[in-house]
Amino acid sequence: MSGLAKRSAKFAWPLALIAAAAVFPVVFPNPVVTNYGVFTLIFVIVASAWNVFSGYSGYISLGHAVFFGSGAYALGIAATDWHVTGTATFALLPLTAIVGALIAVPFGLVALRVRRHTFIVITIAVFFIFQLMAYNFSFTGGSIGVSSPFLPWQAATYNNPFYYIALGCAVGTIAVAWLIRRSRFGLQLRAIRDDEDRARGLGVRAMRVKLTAFALSGAVTAVAGGVWFFYLTQVQPPSGFDPLFDLSVVLMAFLGGLGTVSGPILGALIIEPGQLYLTATFTNGYLSEILLGAVFLAVVLFMPRGIVPTGGEWVTRMRTRGRPAITPPAPVAADAETAEARQ
């Protein structure tokens, strides 16, 4: 197979997946099914954005709900104060990205000065601070929350515009994650993940690299929060700043494969529909949370690298059938001549 054919085959399956996702609401027009699709795509965005920072750098964040909820509140407050109504509200989505990045900079300047384990604790603390602010500030509506503008769309196809907006954001986020992984910036992030002190010794400006990735991740997560808010038409402190949100996102990345491009996508495609199904099927509201914790424990114990890396290793073993994956190089002519001279 030529180099061009290999590159074409490499990009064939992502294009096929995008095409399949594009026709999904046409093939499955049932609003219940498209509702699953909208929420799943929102979590594909969030899991991929989370992975750009945490998966590549090794700094596990349990505070990304800060960006998600802030994006939702920013969109609702801006639409209310600026009297933006109808579909014009979608034009405010770039504002949510700015809000997410602006929150991430001071947040990161404080949290990223410490190492990984302390960083996790700080992200949890900041999350609860934002949740309490949402409860107590007047402009957030307190426990009542904020409502979105009304959209006069037909009920039968109401989900479709949100589906395609979420799909566009998901494709863009995945493309950014792929480009970062192949770039010098991504290499610096992975160097920090492997050995931050050594990376600094090699000239990597660790704080600047981590903060840039954190701000980018926060901006994209805030956009996802804005889409989620507009779709649900309301945000309240318990839903906008939900501690189980971060657990779900972390599980998605770990299940699929932390630090890979396709891993968080696969994790979101498995976890989010499963959660929605369990919530809709069983009356026990805590069943999905219990199973979520059990799945997380099982993944950490039995498949710590995730489905994608582990599956890749299995495929390599099956292909090589126990032989070395890389054939050792044949001796060069000079080595052969030396061997003959020794004889």
C-alpha atoms as a PDB file:
ATOM      1  CA  MET A   1       0.000   0.000   0.000  1.00  0.00           C
ATOM      2  CA  SER A   2       1.404   3.395  -1.002  1.00  0.00           C
ATOM      3  CA  GLY A   3       1.864   6.299   1.385  1.00  0.00           C
ATOM      4  CA  LEU A   4      -1.086   8.167  -0.132  1.00  0.00           C
ATOM      5  CA  ALA A   5      -3.339   5.128   0.237  1.00  0.00           C
ATOM      6  CA  LYS A   6      -2.306   4.713   3.882  1.00  0.00           C
ATOM      7  CA  ARG A   7      -3.079   8.369   4.630  1.00  0.00           C
ATOM      8  CA  SER A   8      -6.438   8.058   2.873  1.00  0.00           C
ATOM      9  CA  ALA A   9      -7.308   4.957   4.905  1.00  0.00           C
ATOM     10  CA  LYS A  10      -6.258   6.734   8.094  1.00  0.00           C
ATOM     11  CA  PHE A  11      -8.759   9.549   7.540  1.00  0.00           C
ATOM     12  CA  ALA A  12     -11.503   7.344   6.087  1.00  0.00           C
ATOM     13  CA  TRP A  13     -12.960   6.105   9.376  1.00  0.00           C
ATOM     14  CA  PRO A  14     -13.225   9.562  11.039  1.00  0.00           C
ATOM     15  CA  LEU A  15     -15.021  10.884   7.951  1.00  0.00           C
ATOM     16  CA  ALA A  16     -17.319   7.855   8.001  1.00  0.00           C
ATOM     17  CA  LEU A  17     -18.145   8.484  11.678  1.00  0.00           C
ATOM     18  CA  ILE A  18     -18.890  12.150  11.001  1.00  0.00           C
ATOM     19  CA  ALA A  19     -21.159  11.190   8.100  1.00  0.00           C
ATOM     20  CA  ALA A  20     -22.966   8.635  10.287  1.00  0.00           C
ATOM     21  CA  ALA A  21     -23.401  11.216  13.041  1.00  0.00           C
ATOM     22  CA  ALA A  22     -24.731  13.766  10.549  1.00  0.00           C
ATOM     23  CA  VAL A  23     -27.550  11.493   9.373  1.00  0.00           C
ATOM     24  CA  PHE A  24     -28.371  10.203  12.867  1.00  0.00           C
ATOM     25  CA  PRO A  25     -31.420  12.496  13.428  1.00  0.00           C
ATOM     26  CA  VAL A  26     -32.721  11.564   9.974  1.00  0.00           C
ATOM     27  CA  VAL A  27     -32.428   7.822  10.557  1.00  0.00           C
ATOM     28  CA  PHE A  28     -33.687   8.069  14.166  1.00  0.00           C
ATOM     29  CA  PRO A  29     -36.143  11.011  14.239  1.00  0.00           C
ATOM     30  CA  ASN A  30     -37.692   9.971  17.565  1.00  0.00           C
ATOM     31  CA  PRO A  31     -37.196  12.921  19.994  1.00  0.00           C
ATOM     32  CA  VAL A  32     -36.246  10.515  22.787  1.00  0.00           C
ATOM     33  CA  VAL A  33     -33.388   9.135  20.692  1.00  0.00           C
ATOM     34  CA  THR A  34     -32.198  12.541  19.478  1.00  0.00           C
ATOM     35  CA  ASN A  35     -32.282  13.712  23.096  1.00  0.00           C
ATOM     36  CA  TYR A  36     -29.746  10.976  23.885  1.00  0.00           C
ATOM     37  CA  GLY A  37     -27.700  12.176  20.927  1.00  0.00           C
ATOM     38  CA  VAL A  38     -27.605  15.812  22.089  1.00  0.00           C
ATOM     39  CA  PHE A  39     -26.469  14.975  25.621  1.00  0.00           C
ATOM     40  CA  THR A  40     -23.915  12.455  24.368  1.00  0.00           C
ATOM     41  CA  LEU A  41     -22.360  14.976  21.983  1.00  0.00           C
ATOM     42  CA  ILE A  42     -22.194  17.589  24.751  1.00  0.00           C
ATOM     43  CA  PHE A  43     -20.207  15.141  26.856  1.00  0.00           C
ATOM     44  CA  VAL A  44     -18.006  14.242  23.888  1.00  0.00           C
ATOM     45  CA  ILE A  45     -17.075  17.943  23.805  1.00  0.00           C
ATOM     46  CA  VAL A  46     -16.434  18.130  27.538  1.00  0.00           C
ATOM     47  CA  ALA A  47     -14.503  14.845  27.787  1.00  0.00           C
ATOM     48  CA  SER A  48     -12.273  15.785  24.837  1.00  0.00           C
ATOM     49  CA  ALA A  49     -11.668  19.270  26.252  1.00  0.00           C
ATOM     50  CA  TRP A  50     -10.891  17.837  29.696  1.00  0.00           C
ATOM     51  CA  ASN A  51      -8.480  15.378  28.101  1.00  0.00           C
ATOM     52  CA  VAL A  52      -6.601  18.165  26.290  1.00  0.00           C
ATOM     53  CA  PHE A  53      -5.476  19.415  29.687  1.00  0.00           C
ATOM     54  CA  SER A  54      -5.689  16.539  32.158  1.00  0.00           C
ATOM     55  CA  GLY A  55      -4.986  13.660  29.784  1.00  0.00           C
ATOM     56  CA  TYR A  56      -2.010  15.312  28.102  1.00  0.00           C
ATOM     57  CA  SER A  57      -0.482  16.993  31.167  1.00  0.00           C
ATOM     58  CA  GLY A  58      -1.276  14.413  33.861  1.00  0.00           C
ATOM     59  CA  TYR A  59      -2.951  17.015  36.120  1.00  0.00           C
ATOM     60  CA  ILE A  60      -6.330  15.458  36.943  1.00  0.00           C
ATOM     61  CA  SER A  61      -8.957  18.186  37.312  1.00  0.00           C
ATOM     62  CA  LEU A  62     -12.088  17.618  39.393  1.00  0.00           C
ATOM     63  CA  GLY A  63     -13.266  21.196  38.938  1.00  0.00           C
ATOM     64  CA  HIS A  64     -14.265  21.445  35.278  1.00  0.00           C
ATOM     65  CA  ALA A  65     -17.875  21.849  36.363  1.00  0.00           C
ATOM     66  CA  VAL A  66     -16.745  25.392  37.257  1.00  0.00           C
ATOM     67  CA  PHE A  67     -16.333  26.161  33.551  1.00  0.00           C
ATOM     68  CA  PHE A  68     -19.413  24.195  32.505  1.00  0.00           C
ATOM     69  CA  GLY A  69     -21.711  25.964  34.961  1.00  0.00           C
ATOM     70  CA  SER A  70     -20.113  29.363  34.403  1.00  0.00           C
ATOM     71  CA  GLY A  71     -20.693  29.038  30.658  1.00  0.00           C
ATOM     72  CA  ALA A  72     -24.351  28.214  31.264  1.00  0.00           C
ATOM     73  CA  TYR A  73     -24.843  31.132  33.669  1.00  0.00           C
ATOM     74  CA  ALA A  74     -22.921  33.553  31.432  1.00  0.00           C
ATOM     75  CA  LEU A  75     -25.158  32.751  28.466  1.00  0.00           C
ATOM     76  CA  GLY A  76     -28.355  33.107  30.493  1.00  0.00           C
ATOM     77  CA  ILE A  77     -27.350  36.330  32.256  1.00  0.00           C
ATOM     78  CA  ALA A  78     -26.086  37.952  29.042  1.00  0.00           C
ATOM     79  CA  ALA A  79     -29.252  37.023  27.131  1.00  0.00           C
ATOM     80  CA  THR A  80     -31.422  38.452  29.924  1.00  0.00           C
ATOM     81  CA  ASP A  81     -29.485  41.681  30.489  1.00  0.00           C
ATOM     82  CA  TRP A  82     -28.941  42.417  26.789  1.00  0.00           C
ATOM     83  CA  HIS A  83     -32.514  41.395  25.837  1.00  0.00           C
ATOM     84  CA  VAL A  84     -31.329  38.833  23.309  1.00  0.00           C
ATOM     85  CA  THR A  85     -34.168  36.524  22.266  1.00  0.00           C
ATOM     86  CA  GLY A  86     -34.791  33.566  19.998  1.00  0.00           C
ATOM     87  CA  THR A  87     -32.093  32.058  17.833  1.00  0.00           C
ATOM     88  CA  ALA A  88     -29.955  35.200  18.218  1.00  0.00           C
ATOM     89  CA  THR A  89     -28.893  33.769  21.583  1.00  0.00           C
ATOM     90  CA  PHE A  90     -26.660  31.295  19.732  1.00  0.00           C
ATOM     91  CA  ALA A  91     -24.475  34.247  18.755  1.00  0.00           C
ATOM     92  CA  LEU A  92     -23.524  34.564  22.435  1.00  0.00           C
ATOM     93  CA  LEU A  93     -21.748  31.183  22.487  1.00  0.00           C
ATOM     94  CA  PRO A  94     -18.322  32.769  21.795  1.00  0.00           C
ATOM     95  CA  LEU A  95     -18.907  34.843  24.939  1.00  0.00           C
ATOM     96  CA  THR A  96     -19.066  31.660  27.002  1.00  0.00           C
ATOM     97  CA  ALA A  97     -15.636  30.652  25.669  1.00  0.00           C
ATOM     98  CA  ILE A  98     -14.223  34.015  26.760  1.00  0.00           C
ATOM     99  CA  VAL A  99     -15.781  33.635  30.209  1.00  0.00           C
ATOM    100  CA  GLY A 100     -14.353  30.128  30.575  1.00  0.00           C
ATOM    101  CA  ALA A 101     -10.860  31.281  29.605  1.00  0.00           C
ATOM    102  CA  LEU A 102     -11.020  34.323  31.908  1.00  0.00           C
ATOM    103  CA  ILE A 103     -11.987  32.113  34.844  1.00  0.00           C
ATOM    104  CA  ALA A 104      -9.299  29.554  33.986  1.00  0.00           C
ATOM    105  CA  VAL A 105      -6.425  32.053  34.071  1.00  0.00           C
ATOM    106  CA  PRO A 106      -6.618  33.119  37.768  1.00  0.00           C
ATOM    107  CA  PHE A 107      -7.850  29.647  38.698  1.00  0.00           C
ATOM    108  CA  GLY A 108      -4.832  28.109  36.986  1.00  0.00           C
ATOM    109  CA  LEU A 109      -2.347  30.660  38.322  1.00  0.00           C
ATOM    110  CA  VAL A 110      -3.280  29.512  41.821  1.00  0.00           C
ATOM    111  CA  ALA A 111      -3.869  25.787  41.298  1.00  0.00           C
ATOM    112  CA  LEU A 112      -1.043  25.022  38.873  1.00  0.00           C
ATOM    113  CA  ARG A 113       1.667  26.235  41.237  1.00  0.00           C
ATOM    114  CA  VAL A 114       1.315  22.972  43.136  1.00  0.00           C
ATOM    115  CA  ARG A 115       1.858  19.419  41.963  1.00  0.00           C
ATOM    116  CA  ARG A 116      -0.716  16.846  40.919  1.00  0.00           C
ATOM    117  CA  HIS A 117      -2.250  15.564  44.162  1.00  0.00           C
ATOM    118  CA  THR A 118      -2.587  18.999  45.736  1.00  0.00           C
ATOM    119  CA  PHE A 119      -3.950  20.308  42.423  1.00  0.00           C
ATOM    120  CA  ILE A 120      -6.876  17.874  42.667  1.00  0.00           C
ATOM    121  CA  VAL A 121      -7.784  19.180  46.130  1.00  0.00           C
ATOM    122  CA  ILE A 122      -7.634  22.806  44.973  1.00  0.00           C
ATOM    123  CA  THR A 123      -9.922  22.134  42.001  1.00  0.00           C
ATOM    124  CA  ILE A 124     -12.500  20.557  44.316  1.00  0.00           C
ATOM    125  CA  ALA A 125     -12.312  23.559  46.662  1.00  0.00           C
ATOM    126  CA  VAL A 126     -12.766  26.055  43.813  1.00  0.00           C
ATOM    127  CA  PHE A 127     -15.725  24.052  42.535  1.00  0.00           C
ATOM    128  CA  PHE A 128     -17.568  24.360  45.857  1.00  0.00           C
ATOM    129  CA  ILE A 129     -16.751  28.072  46.026  1.00  0.00           C
ATOM    130  CA  PHE A 130     -18.438  28.621  42.649  1.00  0.00           C
ATOM    131  CA  GLN A 131     -21.425  26.509  43.654  1.00  0.00           C
ATOM    132  CA  LEU A 132     -21.905  28.588  46.816  1.00  0.00           C
ATOM    133  CA  MET A 133     -21.596  31.817  44.814  1.00  0.00           C
ATOM    134  CA  ALA A 134     -24.310  30.595  42.445  1.00  0.00           C
ATOM    135  CA  TYR A 135     -26.591  30.003  45.419  1.00  0.00           C
ATOM    136  CA  ASN A 136     -25.972  33.403  47.037  1.00  0.00           C
ATOM    137  CA  PHE A 137     -25.421  36.000  44.307  1.00  0.00           C
ATOM    138  CA  SER A 138     -28.482  37.946  43.170  1.00  0.00           C
ATOM    139  CA  PHE A 139     -27.535  38.017  39.471  1.00  0.00           C
ATOM    140  CA  THR A 140     -27.420  34.188  39.371  1.00  0.00           C
ATOM    141  CA  GLY A 141     -30.995  33.940  40.648  1.00  0.00           C
ATOM    142  CA  GLY A 142     -30.051  32.048  43.802  1.00  0.00           C
ATOM    143  CA  SER A 143     -31.695  28.640  44.100  1.00  0.00           C
ATOM    144  CA  ILE A 144     -34.192  29.555  41.340  1.00  0.00           C
ATOM    145  CA  GLY A 145     -31.472  29.898  38.746  1.00  0.00           C
ATOM    146  CA  VAL A 146     -31.625  31.496  35.300  1.00  0.00           C
ATOM    147  CA  SER A 147     -33.943  30.695  32.393  1.00  0.00           C
ATOM    148  CA  SER A 148     -33.119  30.877  28.693  1.00  0.00           C
ATOM    149  CA  PRO A 149     -35.117  32.681  25.989  1.00  0.00           C
ATOM    150  CA  PHE A 150     -38.037  30.848  24.408  1.00  0.00           C
ATOM    151  CA  LEU A 151     -37.559  29.212  21.016  1.00  0.00           C
ATOM    152  CA  PRO A 152     -40.709  28.900  18.852  1.00  0.00           C
ATOM    153  CA  TRP A 153     -39.653  25.648  17.208  1.00  0.00           C
ATOM    154  CA  GLN A 154     -41.794  22.626  16.420  1.00  0.00           C
ATOM    155  CA  ALA A 155     -41.751  20.002  19.136  1.00  0.00           C
ATOM    156  CA  ALA A 156     -41.105  17.121  16.725  1.00  0.00           C
ATOM    157  CA  THR A 157     -37.807  18.589  15.474  1.00  0.00           C
ATOM    158  CA  TYR A 158     -36.888  20.736  18.467  1.00  0.00           C
ATOM    159  CA  ASN A 159     -33.791  18.655  19.279  1.00  0.00           C
ATOM    160  CA  ASN A 160     -32.293  18.689  15.788  1.00  0.00           C
ATOM    161  CA  PRO A 161     -30.725  22.203  15.766  1.00  0.00           C
ATOM    162  CA  PHE A 162     -29.107  21.513  19.136  1.00  0.00           C
ATOM    163  CA  TYR A 163     -27.852  18.174  17.856  1.00  0.00           C
ATOM    164  CA  TYR A 164     -26.097  19.749  14.882  1.00  0.00           C
ATOM    165  CA  ILE A 165     -24.687  22.621  16.953  1.00  0.00           C
ATOM    166  CA  ALA A 166     -23.314  20.101  19.462  1.00  0.00           C
ATOM    167  CA  LEU A 167     -21.992  17.951  16.604  1.00  0.00           C
ATOM    168  CA  GLY A 168     -20.162  20.924  15.076  1.00  0.00           C
ATOM    169  CA  CYS A 169     -18.628  21.827  18.441  1.00  0.00           C
ATOM    170  CA  ALA A 170     -17.652  18.187  19.035  1.00  0.00           C
ATOM    171  CA  VAL A 171     -15.932  17.859  15.637  1.00  0.00           C
ATOM    172  CA  GLY A 172     -14.072  21.125  16.224  1.00  0.00           C
ATOM    173  CA  THR A 173     -12.957  20.061  19.707  1.00  0.00           C
ATOM    174  CA  ILE A 174     -11.747  16.674  18.475  1.00  0.00           C
ATOM    175  CA  ALA A 175      -9.832  18.338  15.636  1.00  0.00           C
ATOM    176  CA  VAL A 176      -8.140  20.702  18.099  1.00  0.00           C
ATOM    177  CA  ALA A 177      -7.268  17.772  20.397  1.00  0.00           C
ATOM    178  CA  TRP A 178      -5.748  15.890  17.448  1.00  0.00           C
ATOM    179  CA  LEU A 179      -3.726  18.902  16.277  1.00  0.00           C
ATOM    180  CA  ILE A 180      -2.440  19.590  19.799  1.00  0.00           C
ATOM    181  CA  ARG A 181      -1.359  15.990  20.278  1.00  0.00           C
ATOM    182  CA  ARG A 182       0.692  16.116  17.062  1.00  0.00           C
ATOM    183  CA  SER A 183       2.178  19.553  17.780  1.00  0.00           C
ATOM    184  CA  ARG A 184       5.194  20.745  19.727  1.00  0.00           C
ATOM    185  CA  PHE A 185       2.795  22.109  22.322  1.00  0.00           C
ATOM    186  CA  GLY A 186       1.323  18.641  22.817  1.00  0.00           C
ATOM    187  CA  LEU A 187       4.789  17.156  23.093  1.00  0.00           C
ATOM    188  CA  GLN A 188       5.583  19.652  25.857  1.00  0.00           C
ATOM    189  CA  LEU A 189       2.393  18.699  27.704  1.00  0.00           C
ATOM    190  CA  ARG A 190       3.272  15.011  27.540  1.00  0.00           C
ATOM    191  CA  ALA A 191       6.811  15.776  28.703  1.00  0.00           C
ATOM    192  CA  ILE A 192       5.300  17.494  31.748  1.00  0.00           C
ATOM    193  CA  ARG A 193       3.112  14.445  32.340  1.00  0.00           C
ATOM    194  CA  ASP A 194       6.079  12.061  32.192  1.00  0.00           C
ATOM    195  CA  ASP A 195       8.556  14.098  34.266  1.00  0.00           C
ATOM    196  CA  GLU A 196       7.880  17.763  34.928  1.00  0.00           C
ATOM    197  CA  ASP A 197      11.267  18.503  36.519  1.00  0.00           C
ATOM    198  CA  ARG A 198      13.112  16.988  33.591  1.00  0.00           C
ATOM    199  CA  ALA A 199      10.882  18.877  31.153  1.00  0.00           C
ATOM    200  CA  ARG A 200      11.787  22.132  32.883  1.00  0.00           C
ATOM    201  CA  GLY A 201      15.451  21.184  32.647  1.00  0.00           C
ATOM    202  CA  LEU A 202      15.050  20.696  28.894  1.00  0.00           C
ATOM    203  CA  GLY A 203      13.674  24.212  28.491  1.00  0.00           C
ATOM    204  CA  VAL A 204       9.913  23.655  28.688  1.00  0.00           C
ATOM    205  CA  ARG A 205       8.152  26.619  30.304  1.00  0.00           C
ATOM    206  CA  ALA A 206       5.896  24.351  32.291  1.00  0.00           C
ATOM    207  CA  MET A 207       3.684  26.976  33.916  1.00  0.00           C
ATOM    208  CA  ARG A 208       2.956  28.736  30.640  1.00  0.00           C
ATOM    209  CA  VAL A 209       2.232  25.458  28.831  1.00  0.00           C
ATOM    210  CA  LYS A 210      -0.047  24.136  31.589  1.00  0.00           C
ATOM    211  CA  LEU A 211      -1.922  27.427  31.910  1.00  0.00           C
ATOM    212  CA  THR A 212      -2.495  27.668  28.148  1.00  0.00           C
ATOM    213  CA  ALA A 213      -3.899  24.142  28.014  1.00  0.00           C
ATOM    214  CA  PHE A 214      -6.031  24.808  31.111  1.00  0.00           C
ATOM    215  CA  ALA A 215      -7.490  27.993  29.618  1.00  0.00           C
ATOM    216  CA  LEU A 216      -8.223  26.287  26.304  1.00  0.00           C
ATOM    217  CA  SER A 217      -9.880  23.370  28.067  1.00  0.00           C
ATOM    218  CA  GLY A 218     -11.938  25.712  30.238  1.00  0.00           C
ATOM    219  CA  ALA A 219     -13.075  27.775  27.241  1.00  0.00           C
ATOM    220  CA  VAL A 220     -14.337  24.749  25.315  1.00  0.00           C
ATOM    221  CA  THR A 221     -16.046  23.317  28.402  1.00  0.00           C
ATOM    222  CA  ALA A 222     -17.830  26.637  28.948  1.00  0.00           C
ATOM    223  CA  VAL A 223     -19.143  26.537  25.362  1.00  0.00           C
ATOM    224  CA  ALA A 224     -20.518  23.055  26.031  1.00  0.00           C
ATOM    225  CA  GLY A 225     -22.178  24.429  29.166  1.00  0.00           C
ATOM    226  CA  GLY A 226     -23.801  27.175  27.097  1.00  0.00           C
ATOM    227  CA  VAL A 227     -25.229  24.669  24.612  1.00  0.00           C
ATOM    228  CA  TRP A 228     -26.450  22.486  27.479  1.00  0.00           C
ATOM    229  CA  PHE A 229     -28.159  25.460  29.176  1.00  0.00           C
ATOM    230  CA  PHE A 230     -29.898  26.614  26.013  1.00  0.00           C
ATOM    231  CA  TYR A 231     -31.095  23.071  25.357  1.00  0.00           C
ATOM    232  CA  LEU A 232     -32.497  22.539  28.879  1.00  0.00           C
ATOM    233  CA  THR A 233     -33.799  26.163  29.036  1.00  0.00           C
ATOM    234  CA  GLN A 234     -32.717  26.596  32.683  1.00  0.00           C
ATOM    235  CA  VAL A 235     -29.692  26.334  34.956  1.00  0.00           C
ATOM    236  CA  GLN A 236     -29.680  26.062  38.751  1.00  0.00           C
ATOM    237  CA  PRO A 237     -26.738  25.695  41.162  1.00  0.00           C
ATOM    238  CA  PRO A 238     -27.169  21.919  41.706  1.00  0.00           C
ATOM    239  CA  SER A 239     -27.338  21.215  37.964  1.00  0.00           C
ATOM    240  CA  GLY A 240     -24.838  23.786  36.697  1.00  0.00           C
ATOM    241  CA  PHE A 241     -22.263  22.954  39.381  1.00  0.00           C
ATOM    242  CA  ASP A 242     -22.813  19.226  39.840  1.00  0.00           C
ATOM    243  CA  PRO A 243     -20.026  17.231  41.561  1.00  0.00           C
ATOM    244  CA  LEU A 244     -21.074  14.092  39.665  1.00  0.00           C
ATOM    245  CA  PHE A 245     -20.375  15.939  36.417  1.00  0.00           C
ATOM    246  CA  ASP A 246     -16.623  15.778  36.992  1.00  0.00           C
ATOM    247  CA  LEU A 247     -16.792  12.137  38.049  1.00  0.00           C
ATOM    248  CA  SER A 248     -18.594  11.278  34.813  1.00  0.00           C
ATOM    249  CA  VAL A 249     -16.092  13.167  32.651  1.00  0.00           C
ATOM    250  CA  VAL A 250     -13.095  11.581  34.379  1.00  0.00           C
ATOM    251  CA  LEU A 251     -14.630   8.113  33.990  1.00  0.00           C
ATOM    252  CA  MET A 252     -15.242   8.725  30.279  1.00  0.00           C
ATOM    253  CA  ALA A 253     -11.599   9.624  29.707  1.00  0.00           C
ATOM    254  CA  PHE A 254     -10.254   6.756  31.824  1.00  0.00           C
ATOM    255  CA  LEU A 255     -12.608   4.191  30.291  1.00  0.00           C
ATOM    256  CA  GLY A 256     -11.751   5.107  26.713  1.00  0.00           C
ATOM    257  CA  GLY A 257      -8.080   5.838  27.233  1.00  0.00           C
ATOM    258  CA  LEU A 258      -6.528   8.775  29.062  1.00  0.00           C
ATOM    259  CA  GLY A 259      -4.299  10.930  26.887  1.00  0.00           C
ATOM    260  CA  THR A 260      -5.572   9.543  23.578  1.00  0.00           C
ATOM    261  CA  VAL A 261      -7.726  11.421  21.071  1.00  0.00           C
ATOM    262  CA  SER A 262     -10.331   8.710  20.536  1.00  0.00           C
ATOM    263  CA  GLY A 263     -10.484   7.470  24.144  1.00  0.00           C
ATOM    264  CA  PRO A 264     -12.672  10.227  25.650  1.00  0.00           C
ATOM    265  CA  ILE A 265     -14.978  10.042  22.621  1.00  0.00           C
ATOM    266  CA  LEU A 266     -15.511   6.315  23.110  1.00  0.00           C
ATOM    267  CA  GLY A 267     -15.975   6.785  26.853  1.00  0.00           C
ATOM    268  CA  ALA A 268     -18.626   9.465  26.335  1.00  0.00           C
ATOM    269  CA  LEU A 269     -20.450   7.311  23.768  1.00  0.00           C
ATOM    270  CA  ILE A 270     -20.649   4.500  26.335  1.00  0.00           C
ATOM    271  CA  ILE A 271     -21.184   6.285  29.660  1.00  0.00           C
ATOM    272  CA  GLU A 272     -23.629   9.107  28.864  1.00  0.00           C
ATOM    273  CA  PRO A 273     -26.284   7.029  27.031  1.00  0.00           C
ATOM    274  CA  GLY A 274     -25.968   4.423  29.778  1.00  0.00           C
ATOM    275  CA  GLN A 275     -26.566   7.011  32.479  1.00  0.00           C
ATOM    276  CA  LEU A 276     -29.562   8.470  30.640  1.00  0.00           C
ATOM    277  CA  TYR A 277     -31.059   5.023  30.128  1.00  0.00           C
ATOM    278  CA  LEU A 278     -30.665   4.020  33.786  1.00  0.00           C
ATOM    279  CA  THR A 279     -32.105   7.325  34.982  1.00  0.00           C
ATOM    280  CA  ALA A 280     -35.140   6.959  32.713  1.00  0.00           C
ATOM    281  CA  THR A 281     -35.700   3.257  33.395  1.00  0.00           C
ATOM    282  CA  PHE A 282     -35.275   2.893  37.149  1.00  0.00           C
ATOM    283  CA  THR A 283     -37.070   4.888  39.825  1.00  0.00           C
ATOM    284  CA  ASN A 284     -34.082   4.774  42.162  1.00  0.00           C
ATOM    285  CA  GLY A 285     -32.345   8.070  41.396  1.00  0.00           C
ATOM    286  CA  TYR A 286     -29.057   6.890  42.867  1.00  0.00           C
ATOM    287  CA  LEU A 287     -28.727   3.689  40.859  1.00  0.00           C
ATOM    288  CA  SER A 288     -26.839   5.318  37.996  1.00  0.00           C
ATOM    289  CA  GLU A 289     -24.447   6.980  40.469  1.00  0.00           C
ATOM    290  CA  ILE A 290     -23.815   3.649  42.226  1.00  0.00           C
ATOM    291  CA  LEU A 291     -23.119   1.883  38.938  1.00  0.00           C
ATOM    292  CA  LEU A 292     -20.966   4.816  37.817  1.00  0.00           C
ATOM    293  CA  GLY A 293     -18.753   4.391  40.866  1.00  0.00           C
ATOM    294  CA  ALA A 294     -18.612   0.620  40.359  1.00  0.00           C
ATOM    295  CA  VAL A 295     -17.587   1.026  36.707  1.00  0.00           C
ATOM    296  CA  PHE A 296     -14.926   3.564  37.673  1.00  0.00           C
ATOM    297  CA  LEU A 297     -13.486   1.166  40.258  1.00  0.00           C
ATOM    298  CA  ALA A 298     -13.497  -1.703  37.750  1.00  0.00           C
ATOM    299  CA  VAL A 299     -11.735   0.391  35.115  1.00  0.00           C
ATOM    300  CA  VAL A 300      -9.021   1.510  37.528  1.00  0.00           C
ATOM    301  CA  LEU A 301      -8.425  -2.052  38.755  1.00  0.00           C
ATOM    302  CA  PHE A 302      -8.693  -4.122  35.567  1.00  0.00           C
ATOM    303  CA  MET A 303      -8.166  -1.734  32.654  1.00  0.00           C
ATOM    304  CA  PRO A 304      -6.164   1.252  33.971  1.00  0.00           C
ATOM    305  CA  ARG A 305      -4.958   2.303  30.521  1.00  0.00           C
ATOM    306  CA  GLY A 306      -8.459   2.318  29.010  1.00  0.00           C
ATOM    307  CA  ILE A 307     -10.148   0.546  26.118  1.00  0.00           C
ATOM    308  CA  VAL A 308      -8.258   2.162  23.245  1.00  0.00           C
ATOM    309  CA  PRO A 309      -4.654   1.525  24.443  1.00  0.00           C
ATOM    310  CA  THR A 310      -5.506  -1.939  25.761  1.00  0.00           C
ATOM    311  CA  GLY A 311      -7.345  -2.849  22.565  1.00  0.00           C
ATOM    312  CA  GLY A 312      -4.400  -1.624  20.513  1.00  0.00           C
ATOM    313  CA  GLU A 313      -2.065  -3.912  22.458  1.00  0.00           C
ATOM    314  CA  TRP A 314      -4.363  -6.904  21.903  1.00  0.00           C
ATOM    315  CA  VAL A 315      -4.537  -6.203  18.166  1.00  0.00           C
ATOM    316  CA  THR A 316      -0.731  -5.947  18.011  1.00  0.00           C
ATOM    317  CA  ARG A 317      -0.332  -9.295  19.798  1.00  0.00           C
ATOM    318  CA  MET A 318      -2.818 -10.966  17.444  1.00  0.00           C
ATOM    319  CA  ARG A 319      -1.070  -9.567  14.383  1.00  0.00           C
ATOM    320  CA  THR A 320       2.432 -10.515  15.479  1.00  0.00           C
ATOM    321  CA  ARG A 321       1.365 -13.825  17.112  1.00  0.00           C
ATOM    322  CA  GLY A 322       4.102 -13.564  19.699  1.00  0.00           C
ATOM    323  CA  ARG A 323       6.762 -12.358  17.255  1.00  0.00           C
ATOM    324  CA  PRO A 324       8.494  -9.013  17.878  1.00  0.00           C
ATOM    325  CA  ALA A 325       6.359  -6.132  16.632  1.00  0.00           C
ATOM    326  CA  ILE A 326       9.491  -4.539  15.112  1.00  0.00           C
ATOM    327  CA  THR A 327      11.806  -6.686  12.991  1.00  0.00           C
ATOM    328  CA  PRO A 328      15.448  -6.296  14.102  1.00  0.00           C
ATOM    329  CA  PRO A 329      17.607  -4.627  11.442  1.00  0.00           C
ATOM    330  CA  ALA A 330      19.736  -6.837   9.227  1.00  0.00           C
ATOM    331  CA  PRO A 331      23.516  -6.527   9.647  1.00  0.00           C
ATOM    332  CA  VAL A 332      25.129  -4.052   7.275  1.00  0.00           C
ATOM    333  CA  ALA A 333      27.808  -5.042   4.797  1.00  0.00           C
ATOM    334  CA  ALA A 334      30.609  -3.629   6.936  1.00  0.00           C
ATOM    335  CA  ASP A 335      29.565  -5.840   9.855  1.00  0.00           C
ATOM    336  CA  ALA A 336      29.558  -8.893   7.582  1.00  0.00           C
ATOM    337  CA  GLU A 337      33.032  -8.113   6.299  1.00  0.00           C
ATOM    338  CA  THR A 338      34.296  -7.703   9.866  1.00  0.00           C
ATOM    339  CA  ALA A 339      32.836 -11.075  10.821  1.00  0.00           C
ATOM    340  CA  GLU A 340      34.526 -12.740   7.846  1.00  0.00           C
ATOM    341  CA  ALA A 341      37.875 -11.114   8.721  1.00  0.00           C
ATOM    342  CA  ARG A 342      37.612 -12.445  12.278  1.00  0.00           C
ATOM    343  CA  GLN A 343      37.098 -15.966  10.933  1.00  0.00           C
END
